[in-house]
C-alpha atoms as a PDB file:
ATOM      1  CA  UNK A   1       0.227  -0.086   0.675  1.00  0.00           C
ATOM      2  CA  UNK A   2       2.694   1.923   0.495  1.00  0.00           C
ATOM      3  CA  UNK A   3       4.483   2.114  -2.470  1.00  0.00           C
ATOM      4  CA  UNK A   4       0.865   2.644  -4.064  1.00  0.00           C
ATOM      5  CA  UNK A   5       0.642   5.983  -2.888  1.00  0.00           C
ATOM      6  CA  UNK A   6       3.760   6.878  -3.519  1.00  0.00           C
ATOM      7  CA  UNK A   7       3.099   6.001  -7.367  1.00  0.00           C
ATOM      8  CA  UNK A   8       0.046   7.725  -7.898  1.00  0.00           C
ATOM      9  CA  UNK A   9       1.724  11.237  -7.221  1.00  0.00           C
ATOM     10  CA  UNK A  10       2.337  12.636 -10.349  1.00  0.00           C
ATOM     11  CA  UNK A  11       5.628  13.852 -10.432  1.00  0.00           C
ATOM     12  CA  UNK A  12       6.689  17.519  -9.772  1.00  0.00           C
ATOM     13  CA  UNK A  13       9.595  19.372 -11.831  1.00  0.00           C
ATOM     14  CA  UNK A  14      12.038  19.828  -9.126  1.00  0.00           C
ATOM     15  CA  UNK A  15      12.591  22.783  -7.484  1.00  0.00           C
ATOM     16  CA  UNK A  16      15.439  25.690  -7.874  1.00  0.00           C
ATOM     17  CA  UNK A  17      17.885  23.830  -5.315  1.00  0.00           C
ATOM     18  CA  UNK A  18      19.586  25.126  -2.262  1.00  0.00           C
ATOM     19  CA  UNK A  19      22.600  24.373  -0.038  1.00  0.00           C
ATOM     20  CA  UNK A  20      20.260  25.038   3.184  1.00  0.00           C
ATOM     21  CA  UNK A  21      16.966  23.155   2.874  1.00  0.00           C
ATOM     22  CA  UNK A  22      14.895  23.340   6.122  1.00  0.00           C
ATOM     23  CA  UNK A  23      13.033  19.458   6.925  1.00  0.00           C
ATOM     24  CA  UNK A  24       9.924  21.015   6.548  1.00  0.00           C
ATOM     25  CA  UNK A  25      10.415  22.047   3.089  1.00  0.00           C
ATOM     26  CA  UNK A  26      11.739  19.254   1.653  1.00  0.00           C
ATOM     27  CA  UNK A  27       8.300  17.632   3.033  1.00  0.00           C
ATOM     28  CA  UNK A  28       6.712  20.546   1.959  1.00  0.00           C
ATOM     29  CA  UNK A  29       8.461  19.920  -1.961  1.00  0.00           C
ATOM     30  CA  UNK A  30       8.526  16.106  -2.029  1.00  0.00           C
ATOM     31  CA  UNK A  31       4.992  15.456  -0.099  1.00  0.00           C
ATOM     32  CA  UNK A  32       2.613  17.372   0.721  1.00  0.00           C
ATOM     33  CA  UNK A  33       2.276  19.046  -3.267  1.00  0.00           C
ATOM     34  CA  UNK A  34       2.242  16.330  -5.570  1.00  0.00           C
ATOM     35  CA  UNK A  35      -0.273  15.407  -3.358  1.00  0.00           C
ATOM     36  CA  UNK A  36      -2.504  18.007  -3.282  1.00  0.00           C
ATOM     37  CA  UNK A  37      -1.817  18.393  -6.625  1.00  0.00           C
ATOM     38  CA  UNK A  38      -3.693  14.652  -6.711  1.00  0.00           C
ATOM     39  CA  UNK A  39      -6.344  15.563  -4.823  1.00  0.00           C
ATOM     40  CA  UNK A  40      -6.779  19.233  -7.272  1.00  0.00           C
ATOM     41  CA  UNK A  41     -10.165  18.575  -8.728  1.00  0.00           C
ATOM     42  CA  UNK A  42     -11.481  16.723  -5.432  1.00  0.00           C
ATOM     43  CA  UNK A  43     -10.260  19.914  -3.484  1.00  0.00           C
ATOM     44  CA  UNK A  44     -12.224  21.927  -6.031  1.00  0.00           C
ATOM     45  CA  UNK A  45     -15.531  20.092  -5.564  1.00  0.00           C
ATOM     46  CA  UNK A  46     -15.178  19.853  -1.696  1.00  0.00           C
ATOM     47  CA  UNK A  47     -15.336  23.885  -1.743  1.00  0.00           C
ATOM     48  CA  UNK A  48     -17.287  23.937  -4.357  1.00  0.00           C
ATOM     49  CA  UNK A  49     -20.227  22.249  -1.893  1.00  0.00           C
ATOM     50  CA  UNK A  50     -19.012  24.673   0.918  1.00  0.00           C
ATOM     51  CA  UNK A  51     -20.079  27.190  -1.782  1.00  0.00           C
ATOM     52  CA  UNK A  52     -23.360  25.423  -1.170  1.00  0.00           C
ATOM     53  CA  UNK A  53     -23.685  24.540   1.916  1.00  0.00           C
ATOM     54  CA  UNK A  54     -22.929  28.956   2.767  1.00  0.00           C
ATOM     55  CA  UNK A  55     -25.561  29.237  -0.095  1.00  0.00           C
ATOM     56  CA  UNK A  56     -23.138  32.041  -1.448  1.00  0.00           C
ATOM     57  CA  UNK A  57     -23.897  33.606  -4.292  1.00  0.00           C
ATOM     58  CA  UNK A  58     -20.124  33.186  -5.538  1.00  0.00           C
ATOM     59  CA  UNK A  59     -19.993  33.149  -9.102  1.00  0.00           C
ATOM     60  CA  UNK A  60     -21.711  37.254  -9.063  1.00  0.00           C
ATOM     61  CA  UNK A  61     -18.751  38.239  -7.200  1.00  0.00           C
ATOM     62  CA  UNK A  62     -16.160  40.267  -8.982  1.00  0.00           C
ATOM     63  CA  UNK A  63     -12.708  38.893  -9.215  1.00  0.00           C
ATOM     64  CA  UNK A  64     -11.809  40.661  -5.608  1.00  0.00           C
ATOM     65  CA  UNK A  65     -15.032  39.719  -4.059  1.00  0.00           C
ATOM     66  CA  UNK A  66     -13.908  36.178  -4.857  1.00  0.00           C
ATOM     67  CA  UNK A  67     -10.276  36.405  -3.377  1.00  0.00           C
ATOM     68  CA  UNK A  68     -11.399  37.543  -0.056  1.00  0.00           C
ATOM     69  CA  UNK A  69     -14.013  34.770   0.071  1.00  0.00           C
ATOM     70  CA  UNK A  70     -12.116  32.092  -0.537  1.00  0.00           C
ATOM     71  CA  UNK A  71      -9.527  33.632   1.628  1.00  0.00           C
ATOM     72  CA  UNK A  72     -12.243  34.629   5.033  1.00  0.00           C
ATOM     73  CA  UNK A  73     -13.891  30.307   4.168  1.00  0.00           C
ATOM     74  CA  UNK A  74     -10.214  29.320   4.737  1.00  0.00           C
ATOM     75  CA  UNK A  75      -9.289  31.579   8.074  1.00  0.00           C
ATOM     76  CA  UNK A  76     -12.056  31.200   9.880  1.00  0.00           C
ATOM     77  CA  UNK A  77     -13.977  28.228   8.528  1.00  0.00           C
ATOM     78  CA  UNK A  78     -12.156  24.505  10.510  1.00  0.00           C
ATOM     79  CA  UNK A  79     -14.421  22.097   9.311  1.00  0.00           C
ATOM     80  CA  UNK A  80     -13.382  23.678   6.348  1.00  0.00           C
ATOM     81  CA  UNK A  81      -9.448  23.983   6.580  1.00  0.00           C
ATOM     82  CA  UNK A  82      -9.862  20.011   8.570  1.00  0.00           C
ATOM     83  CA  UNK A  83     -12.263  18.335   5.910  1.00  0.00           C
ATOM     84  CA  UNK A  84      -9.187  19.858   2.880  1.00  0.00           C
ATOM     85  CA  UNK A  85      -6.447  18.696   5.105  1.00  0.00           C
ATOM     86  CA  UNK A  86      -7.992  15.227   6.076  1.00  0.00           C
ATOM     87  CA  UNK A  87      -7.040  14.896   1.708  1.00  0.00           C
ATOM     88  CA  UNK A  88      -4.204  15.530   2.040  1.00  0.00           C
ATOM     89  CA  UNK A  89      -2.918  13.512   4.864  1.00  0.00           C
ATOM     90  CA  UNK A  90      -5.153  10.165   4.690  1.00  0.00           C
ATOM     91  CA  UNK A  91      -2.538  10.284   1.254  1.00  0.00           C
ATOM     92  CA  UNK A  92       0.403  10.157   3.880  1.00  0.00           C
ATOM     93  CA  UNK A  93       2.815   7.091   3.868  1.00  0.00           C
ATOM     94  CA  UNK A  94       3.237   5.852   7.832  1.00  0.00           C
ATOM     95  CA  UNK A  95       6.586   7.114   7.301  1.00  0.00           C
ATOM     96  CA  UNK A  96       6.030  10.757   6.113  1.00  0.00           C
ATOM     97  CA  UNK A  97       2.633  10.412   9.141  1.00  0.00           C
ATOM     98  CA  UNK A  98       5.414  10.418  11.752  1.00  0.00           C
ATOM     99  CA  UNK A  99       7.558  13.148  10.256  1.00  0.00           C
ATOM    100  CA  UNK A 100       4.452  14.607   9.584  1.00  0.00           C
ATOM    101  CA  UNK A 101       3.314  15.041  14.101  1.00  0.00           C
ATOM    102  CA  UNK A 102       7.039  16.074  14.328  1.00  0.00           C
ATOM    103  CA  UNK A 103       5.710  20.233  12.444  1.00  0.00           C
ATOM    104  CA  UNK A 104       1.906  19.624  11.959  1.00  0.00           C
ATOM    105  CA  UNK A 105       0.756  22.631  13.116  1.00  0.00           C
ATOM    106  CA  UNK A 106       3.578  24.293  10.340  1.00  0.00           C
ATOM    107  CA  UNK A 107       2.385  21.390   7.380  1.00  0.00           C
ATOM    108  CA  UNK A 108      -1.062  22.168   8.813  1.00  0.00           C
ATOM    109  CA  UNK A 109      -0.453  25.729   7.887  1.00  0.00           C
ATOM    110  CA  UNK A 110       1.216  24.890   4.570  1.00  0.00           C
ATOM    111  CA  UNK A 111      -1.639  22.619   3.332  1.00  0.00           C
ATOM    112  CA  UNK A 112      -4.444  25.381   4.470  1.00  0.00           C
ATOM    113  CA  UNK A 113      -2.338  28.036   2.205  1.00  0.00           C
ATOM    114  CA  UNK A 114      -1.151  26.074  -0.652  1.00  0.00           C
ATOM    115  CA  UNK A 115      -5.088  24.544  -0.736  1.00  0.00           C
ATOM    116  CA  UNK A 116      -5.699  28.491  -0.337  1.00  0.00           C
ATOM    117  CA  UNK A 117      -3.962  29.248  -3.062  1.00  0.00           C
ATOM    118  CA  UNK A 118      -5.410  26.356  -5.687  1.00  0.00           C
ATOM    119  CA  UNK A 119      -8.498  27.046  -4.914  1.00  0.00           C
ATOM    120  CA  UNK A 120      -8.419  30.368  -5.577  1.00  0.00           C
ATOM    121  CA  UNK A 121      -6.881  30.347  -8.712  1.00  0.00           C
ATOM    122  CA  UNK A 122      -8.638  28.166  -9.981  1.00  0.00           C
ATOM    123  CA  UNK A 123     -12.428  29.417  -9.393  1.00  0.00           C
ATOM    124  CA  UNK A 124     -11.326  33.051 -10.356  1.00  0.00           C
ATOM    125  CA  UNK A 125     -10.902  32.376 -13.369  1.00  0.00           C
ATOM    126  CA  UNK A 126     -13.708  29.137 -13.664  1.00  0.00           C
ATOM    127  CA  UNK A 127     -16.659  30.845 -11.726  1.00  0.00           C
END
């Protein structure tokens, strides 16, 4: 099962290599980003479901209003953040999960930030 979880992740172009890179940044680039890319469509459907639950008139917002709504959703709605993180953490291997637990607070912020950016970039153009 561990190998399958890793094999199904998309391969991302290597980021610029620096001499000093933190463990968290390595984890972000080698684990989080590929999983988030893999889950992209599911993340969007999850957020669209959030729009339905909030009965938001998102499609009638201008770009600035959409950006603000998405930002507020990710900063104020703990249930949404937890649900989104679950889509990512559920695809960790056991080893990755143990690494994640060591820096969970920092990595949760990174997960939320990356997902918020992807949702914003995609939905502002599409809807």
